[in-house]
Amino acid sequence: MVPPELGNLGSLEWLALSSNQLGGPIPPELGNLTRLRGLMLPSTELTGPIPSELGNLGSLEWLSLHSSNLSGPIPHEIGNLTSLQFLILGANNLSGAIPPELGNLTGLELLNLSSNQLRGPIPPELGKLTSLERLRFQRNSLSGTIPQTFLELDMLNLLEIQENDGLCLPSTPAFLTWLRGIRRFSGSLCAASTPTSN
């Protein structure tokens, strides 16, 4: 397990414990590491929820928790991490809706929520992530259409939405023009009569 005593290392800036057999939950005490710029715990045997206390890490630029056994919702407190550039939560068992608070992460360049059990529509607030270059939603249970606000994502060059519960990209002229600026798109276009999310 990850020792909760690591939360006492108040000057720590990087914590990387990837690709090992660490089990048990992520200790909420890691939320005390307010100078932390990178937290990497991917490819482990970690279980349980993502602690809401990680929302206290205001200096965090890189959060990677992919390829573990984490479950439960994505805490809305993650939206407090306004210095974040990379948020990688793919290949877990995360469930529930995508928190609209993630739209506060306006410096984000990569958002990977793939291969989870996330449900519901894409929050239109994610259209505020104008620095976003790569966005991965594939292999979830998301539904509806990509919001109209995504037309503001001028930096996006990768969008993966395949293998969801009907999630599709509107086939309007505006979205088709926008799509031509994306280097890699994996997913489906909505039927022409499908209304666009607002």
C-alpha atoms as a PDB file:
ATOM      1  CA  MET A   1       0.000   0.000   0.000  1.00  0.00           C
ATOM      2  CA  VAL A   2       1.009   3.642  -0.369  1.00  0.00           C
ATOM      3  CA  PRO A   3       2.149   4.775   3.105  1.00  0.00           C
ATOM      4  CA  PRO A   4      -0.038   7.608   4.417  1.00  0.00           C
ATOM      5  CA  GLU A   5       3.096   8.995   6.073  1.00  0.00           C
ATOM      6  CA  LEU A   6       4.156  10.288   2.654  1.00  0.00           C
ATOM      7  CA  GLY A   7       1.697  13.078   3.338  1.00  0.00           C
ATOM      8  CA  ASN A   8       4.212  14.471   5.840  1.00  0.00           C
ATOM      9  CA  LEU A   9       6.758  15.272   3.096  1.00  0.00           C
ATOM     10  CA  GLY A  10       5.633  18.863   2.709  1.00  0.00           C
ATOM     11  CA  SER A  11       8.486  19.894   0.380  1.00  0.00           C
ATOM     12  CA  LEU A  12       7.956  17.023  -2.074  1.00  0.00           C
ATOM     13  CA  GLU A  13       7.412  18.133  -5.687  1.00  0.00           C
ATOM     14  CA  TRP A  14       7.216  14.799  -7.556  1.00  0.00           C
ATOM     15  CA  LEU A  15       5.848  11.434  -6.441  1.00  0.00           C
ATOM     16  CA  ALA A  16       6.078   8.595  -8.976  1.00  0.00           C
ATOM     17  CA  LEU A  17       5.283   5.029  -7.921  1.00  0.00           C
ATOM     18  CA  SER A  18       4.249   3.529 -11.246  1.00  0.00           C
ATOM     19  CA  SER A  19       4.244  -0.072 -12.514  1.00  0.00           C
ATOM     20  CA  ASN A  20       4.344  -1.988  -9.261  1.00  0.00           C
ATOM     21  CA  GLN A  21       2.097  -4.110  -7.063  1.00  0.00           C
ATOM     22  CA  LEU A  22       1.050  -1.424  -4.604  1.00  0.00           C
ATOM     23  CA  GLY A  23      -2.462  -2.217  -3.393  1.00  0.00           C
ATOM     24  CA  GLY A  24      -5.100  -0.657  -1.215  1.00  0.00           C
ATOM     25  CA  PRO A  25      -6.523   2.844  -1.435  1.00  0.00           C
ATOM     26  CA  ILE A  26      -4.808   6.111  -2.285  1.00  0.00           C
ATOM     27  CA  PRO A  27      -4.251   7.708   1.135  1.00  0.00           C
ATOM     28  CA  PRO A  28      -6.099  11.008   1.521  1.00  0.00           C
ATOM     29  CA  GLU A  29      -3.024  12.303   3.354  1.00  0.00           C
ATOM     30  CA  LEU A  30      -1.413  12.879  -0.053  1.00  0.00           C
ATOM     31  CA  GLY A  31      -3.659  15.920  -0.233  1.00  0.00           C
ATOM     32  CA  ASN A  32      -1.286  17.580   2.255  1.00  0.00           C
ATOM     33  CA  LEU A  33       1.510  17.733  -0.362  1.00  0.00           C
ATOM     34  CA  THR A  34       0.640  21.225  -1.526  1.00  0.00           C
ATOM     35  CA  ARG A  35       3.981  21.729  -3.326  1.00  0.00           C
ATOM     36  CA  LEU A  36       3.502  18.609  -5.427  1.00  0.00           C
ATOM     37  CA  ARG A  37       3.757  19.206  -9.186  1.00  0.00           C
ATOM     38  CA  GLY A  38       3.465  15.598 -10.340  1.00  0.00           C
ATOM     39  CA  LEU A  39       1.598  12.608  -8.892  1.00  0.00           C
ATOM     40  CA  MET A  40       2.068   9.426 -10.911  1.00  0.00           C
ATOM     41  CA  LEU A  41       0.544   6.195  -9.606  1.00  0.00           C
ATOM     42  CA  PRO A  42      -0.309   4.314 -12.845  1.00  0.00           C
ATOM     43  CA  SER A  43      -0.196   0.562 -13.511  1.00  0.00           C
ATOM     44  CA  THR A  44      -0.601  -0.503  -9.898  1.00  0.00           C
ATOM     45  CA  GLU A  45      -3.056  -2.599  -7.870  1.00  0.00           C
ATOM     46  CA  LEU A  46      -4.590   0.415  -6.147  1.00  0.00           C
ATOM     47  CA  THR A  47      -8.291   0.149  -5.327  1.00  0.00           C
ATOM     48  CA  GLY A  48     -11.080   2.321  -3.974  1.00  0.00           C
ATOM     49  CA  PRO A  49     -12.016   5.897  -4.823  1.00  0.00           C
ATOM     50  CA  ILE A  50      -9.893   8.847  -5.850  1.00  0.00           C
ATOM     51  CA  PRO A  51      -9.674  10.898  -2.624  1.00  0.00           C
ATOM     52  CA  SER A  52     -11.359  14.285  -2.827  1.00  0.00           C
ATOM     53  CA  GLU A  53      -8.401  15.611  -0.822  1.00  0.00           C
ATOM     54  CA  LEU A  54      -6.298  15.529  -4.008  1.00  0.00           C
ATOM     55  CA  GLY A  55      -8.216  18.667  -4.916  1.00  0.00           C
ATOM     56  CA  ASN A  56      -5.996  20.502  -2.401  1.00  0.00           C
ATOM     57  CA  LEU A  57      -2.906  20.057  -4.611  1.00  0.00           C
ATOM     58  CA  GLY A  58      -3.037  23.496  -6.209  1.00  0.00           C
ATOM     59  CA  SER A  59       0.484  23.260  -7.685  1.00  0.00           C
ATOM     60  CA  LEU A  60      -0.175  19.943  -9.442  1.00  0.00           C
ATOM     61  CA  GLU A  61       0.617  19.895 -13.169  1.00  0.00           C
ATOM     62  CA  TRP A  62       0.510  16.157 -13.856  1.00  0.00           C
ATOM     63  CA  LEU A  63      -1.930  13.621 -12.367  1.00  0.00           C
ATOM     64  CA  SER A  64      -1.652  10.078 -13.722  1.00  0.00           C
ATOM     65  CA  LEU A  65      -3.700   7.305 -12.098  1.00  0.00           C
ATOM     66  CA  HIS A  66      -4.388   5.104 -15.121  1.00  0.00           C
ATOM     67  CA  SER A  67      -4.414   1.311 -15.395  1.00  0.00           C
ATOM     68  CA  SER A  68      -5.328   0.484 -11.811  1.00  0.00           C
ATOM     69  CA  ASN A  69      -8.526  -0.687 -10.105  1.00  0.00           C
ATOM     70  CA  LEU A  70      -9.799   2.669  -8.884  1.00  0.00           C
ATOM     71  CA  SER A  71     -13.577   2.962  -8.599  1.00  0.00           C
ATOM     72  CA  GLY A  72     -16.299   5.420  -7.707  1.00  0.00           C
ATOM     73  CA  PRO A  73     -16.889   8.873  -9.178  1.00  0.00           C
ATOM     74  CA  ILE A  74     -14.320  11.392 -10.346  1.00  0.00           C
ATOM     75  CA  PRO A  75     -14.278  13.892  -7.448  1.00  0.00           C
ATOM     76  CA  HIS A  76     -15.531  17.327  -8.470  1.00  0.00           C
ATOM     77  CA  GLU A  77     -12.682  18.729  -6.344  1.00  0.00           C
ATOM     78  CA  ILE A  78     -10.302  17.784  -9.175  1.00  0.00           C
ATOM     79  CA  GLY A  79     -11.671  20.930 -10.816  1.00  0.00           C
ATOM     80  CA  ASN A  80      -9.703  22.943  -8.220  1.00  0.00           C
ATOM     81  CA  LEU A  81      -6.388  21.886  -9.808  1.00  0.00           C
ATOM     82  CA  THR A  82      -6.108  24.875 -12.102  1.00  0.00           C
ATOM     83  CA  SER A  83      -2.358  24.330 -12.739  1.00  0.00           C
ATOM     84  CA  LEU A  84      -3.038  20.864 -14.173  1.00  0.00           C
ATOM     85  CA  GLN A  85      -1.769  20.156 -17.705  1.00  0.00           C
ATOM     86  CA  PHE A  86      -2.166  16.369 -17.867  1.00  0.00           C
ATOM     87  CA  LEU A  87      -5.057  14.409 -16.322  1.00  0.00           C
ATOM     88  CA  ILE A  88      -4.832  10.686 -17.058  1.00  0.00           C
ATOM     89  CA  LEU A  89      -7.485   8.499 -15.407  1.00  0.00           C
ATOM     90  CA  GLY A  90      -8.003   5.865 -18.113  1.00  0.00           C
ATOM     91  CA  ALA A  91      -8.317   2.096 -17.647  1.00  0.00           C
ATOM     92  CA  ASN A  92      -9.917   2.076 -14.214  1.00  0.00           C
ATOM     93  CA  ASN A  93     -13.429   1.326 -12.960  1.00  0.00           C
ATOM     94  CA  LEU A  94     -14.517   4.926 -12.447  1.00  0.00           C
ATOM     95  CA  SER A  95     -18.260   5.468 -12.657  1.00  0.00           C
ATOM     96  CA  GLY A  96     -20.895   8.196 -12.630  1.00  0.00           C
ATOM     97  CA  ALA A  97     -20.934  11.393 -14.653  1.00  0.00           C
ATOM     98  CA  ILE A  98     -17.994  13.488 -15.830  1.00  0.00           C
ATOM     99  CA  PRO A  99     -17.885  16.415 -13.380  1.00  0.00           C
ATOM    100  CA  PRO A 100     -18.578  19.760 -15.074  1.00  0.00           C
ATOM    101  CA  GLU A 101     -15.961  21.253 -12.719  1.00  0.00           C
ATOM    102  CA  LEU A 102     -13.277  19.773 -14.990  1.00  0.00           C
ATOM    103  CA  GLY A 103     -14.056  22.750 -17.214  1.00  0.00           C
ATOM    104  CA  ASN A 104     -12.089  24.875 -14.722  1.00  0.00           C
ATOM    105  CA  LEU A 105      -8.830  23.197 -15.817  1.00  0.00           C
ATOM    106  CA  THR A 106      -8.171  25.702 -18.570  1.00  0.00           C
ATOM    107  CA  GLY A 107      -4.445  24.846 -18.842  1.00  0.00           C
ATOM    108  CA  LEU A 108      -5.162  21.177 -19.529  1.00  0.00           C
ATOM    109  CA  GLU A 109      -3.434  19.732 -22.617  1.00  0.00           C
ATOM    110  CA  LEU A 110      -4.382  16.056 -22.217  1.00  0.00           C
ATOM    111  CA  LEU A 111      -7.564  14.586 -20.742  1.00  0.00           C
ATOM    112  CA  ASN A 112      -7.788  10.793 -20.759  1.00  0.00           C
ATOM    113  CA  LEU A 113     -10.927   9.259 -19.235  1.00  0.00           C
ATOM    114  CA  SER A 114     -11.010   6.188 -21.491  1.00  0.00           C
ATOM    115  CA  SER A 115     -11.884   2.606 -20.514  1.00  0.00           C
ATOM    116  CA  ASN A 116     -13.978   3.321 -17.442  1.00  0.00           C
ATOM    117  CA  GLN A 117     -17.685   3.060 -16.616  1.00  0.00           C
ATOM    118  CA  LEU A 118     -18.570   6.739 -16.956  1.00  0.00           C
ATOM    119  CA  ARG A 119     -22.159   7.533 -17.940  1.00  0.00           C
ATOM    120  CA  GLY A 120     -24.294  10.378 -19.172  1.00  0.00           C
ATOM    121  CA  PRO A 121     -23.578  13.284 -21.498  1.00  0.00           C
ATOM    122  CA  ILE A 122     -20.375  15.249 -21.979  1.00  0.00           C
ATOM    123  CA  PRO A 123     -20.570  18.450 -19.878  1.00  0.00           C
ATOM    124  CA  PRO A 124     -20.597  21.553 -22.094  1.00  0.00           C
ATOM    125  CA  GLU A 125     -18.204  23.154 -19.585  1.00  0.00           C
ATOM    126  CA  LEU A 126     -15.385  21.098 -21.130  1.00  0.00           C
ATOM    127  CA  GLY A 127     -15.572  23.488 -24.074  1.00  0.00           C
ATOM    128  CA  LYS A 128     -13.649  25.957 -21.892  1.00  0.00           C
ATOM    129  CA  LEU A 129     -10.530  23.757 -22.114  1.00  0.00           C
ATOM    130  CA  THR A 130      -9.077  25.770 -24.965  1.00  0.00           C
ATOM    131  CA  SER A 131      -5.507  24.504 -24.399  1.00  0.00           C
ATOM    132  CA  LEU A 132      -6.624  20.891 -24.883  1.00  0.00           C
ATOM    133  CA  GLU A 133      -4.709  18.948 -27.544  1.00  0.00           C
ATOM    134  CA  ARG A 134      -5.744  15.338 -26.829  1.00  0.00           C
ATOM    135  CA  LEU A 135      -9.078  14.094 -25.528  1.00  0.00           C
ATOM    136  CA  ARG A 136      -9.921  10.430 -24.939  1.00  0.00           C
ATOM    137  CA  PHE A 137     -13.452   9.329 -23.944  1.00  0.00           C
ATOM    138  CA  GLN A 138     -13.533   5.925 -25.647  1.00  0.00           C
ATOM    139  CA  ARG A 139     -14.797   2.687 -24.046  1.00  0.00           C
ATOM    140  CA  ASN A 140     -17.228   4.112 -21.505  1.00  0.00           C
ATOM    141  CA  SER A 141     -21.039   4.303 -21.320  1.00  0.00           C
ATOM    142  CA  LEU A 142     -21.298   7.955 -22.332  1.00  0.00           C
ATOM    143  CA  SER A 143     -24.258   9.107 -24.402  1.00  0.00           C
ATOM    144  CA  GLY A 144     -25.639  12.093 -26.302  1.00  0.00           C
ATOM    145  CA  THR A 145     -23.794  14.409 -28.628  1.00  0.00           C
ATOM    146  CA  ILE A 146     -20.544  16.297 -28.353  1.00  0.00           C
ATOM    147  CA  PRO A 147     -21.538  19.757 -27.039  1.00  0.00           C
ATOM    148  CA  GLN A 148     -21.628  22.819 -29.254  1.00  0.00           C
ATOM    149  CA  THR A 149     -19.022  24.412 -26.953  1.00  0.00           C
ATOM    150  CA  PHE A 150     -16.387  22.024 -28.339  1.00  0.00           C
ATOM    151  CA  LEU A 151     -16.204  24.218 -31.425  1.00  0.00           C
ATOM    152  CA  GLU A 152     -14.019  26.486 -29.238  1.00  0.00           C
ATOM    153  CA  LEU A 153     -11.328  23.784 -28.887  1.00  0.00           C
ATOM    154  CA  ASP A 154      -9.041  25.102 -31.609  1.00  0.00           C
ATOM    155  CA  MET A 155      -5.935  23.292 -30.310  1.00  0.00           C
ATOM    156  CA  LEU A 156      -7.498  19.809 -30.327  1.00  0.00           C
ATOM    157  CA  ASN A 157      -5.761  17.356 -32.645  1.00  0.00           C
ATOM    158  CA  LEU A 158      -6.950  14.020 -31.209  1.00  0.00           C
ATOM    159  CA  LEU A 159     -10.519  13.074 -30.229  1.00  0.00           C
ATOM    160  CA  GLU A 160     -11.516   9.488 -29.421  1.00  0.00           C
ATOM    161  CA  ILE A 161     -15.183   8.815 -28.550  1.00  0.00           C
ATOM    162  CA  GLN A 162     -15.760   5.302 -29.925  1.00  0.00           C
ATOM    163  CA  GLU A 163     -17.325   2.395 -27.965  1.00  0.00           C
ATOM    164  CA  ASN A 164     -19.834   4.365 -25.896  1.00  0.00           C
ATOM    165  CA  ASP A 165     -23.629   4.253 -25.560  1.00  0.00           C
ATOM    166  CA  GLY A 166     -24.454   6.294 -28.627  1.00  0.00           C
ATOM    167  CA  LEU A 167     -22.042   9.179 -28.066  1.00  0.00           C
ATOM    168  CA  CYS A 168     -21.579  10.905 -31.410  1.00  0.00           C
ATOM    169  CA  LEU A 169     -20.302  14.044 -33.082  1.00  0.00           C
ATOM    170  CA  PRO A 170     -22.964  16.320 -34.615  1.00  0.00           C
ATOM    171  CA  SER A 171     -22.916  16.215 -38.407  1.00  0.00           C
ATOM    172  CA  THR A 172     -23.667  19.915 -38.777  1.00  0.00           C
ATOM    173  CA  PRO A 173     -21.616  22.051 -41.205  1.00  0.00           C
ATOM    174  CA  ALA A 174     -19.903  23.794 -38.282  1.00  0.00           C
ATOM    175  CA  PHE A 175     -18.768  20.512 -36.707  1.00  0.00           C
ATOM    176  CA  LEU A 176     -17.705  19.001 -40.027  1.00  0.00           C
ATOM    177  CA  THR A 177     -15.497  22.038 -40.644  1.00  0.00           C
ATOM    178  CA  TRP A 178     -14.104  21.776 -37.106  1.00  0.00           C
ATOM    179  CA  LEU A 179     -13.441  18.065 -37.559  1.00  0.00           C
ATOM    180  CA  ARG A 180     -11.196  18.743 -40.555  1.00  0.00           C
ATOM    181  CA  GLY A 181      -8.787  20.492 -38.183  1.00  0.00           C
ATOM    182  CA  ILE A 182      -8.453  17.393 -35.983  1.00  0.00           C
ATOM    183  CA  ARG A 183      -5.625  15.112 -37.000  1.00  0.00           C
ATOM    184  CA  ARG A 184      -7.135  11.943 -35.514  1.00  0.00           C
ATOM    185  CA  PHE A 185     -10.819  11.278 -34.834  1.00  0.00           C
ATOM    186  CA  SER A 186     -12.214   7.898 -33.765  1.00  0.00           C
ATOM    187  CA  GLY A 187     -15.967   7.691 -33.328  1.00  0.00           C
ATOM    188  CA  SER A 188     -19.264   8.205 -35.077  1.00  0.00           C
ATOM    189  CA  LEU A 189     -21.102  11.115 -36.597  1.00  0.00           C
ATOM    190  CA  CYS A 190     -24.682  11.629 -35.410  1.00  0.00           C
ATOM    191  CA  ALA A 191     -27.552  11.196 -37.817  1.00  0.00           C
ATOM    192  CA  ALA A 192     -28.329  14.492 -39.530  1.00  0.00           C
ATOM    193  CA  SER A 193     -31.590  14.900 -37.599  1.00  0.00           C
ATOM    194  CA  THR A 194     -29.952  14.499 -34.163  1.00  0.00           C
ATOM    195  CA  PRO A 195     -30.083  17.757 -32.186  1.00  0.00           C
ATOM    196  CA  THR A 196     -26.882  19.280 -30.884  1.00  0.00           C
ATOM    197  CA  SER A 197     -26.276  19.539 -27.119  1.00  0.00           C
ATOM    198  CA  ASN A 198     -26.072  23.067 -25.707  1.00  0.00           C
END
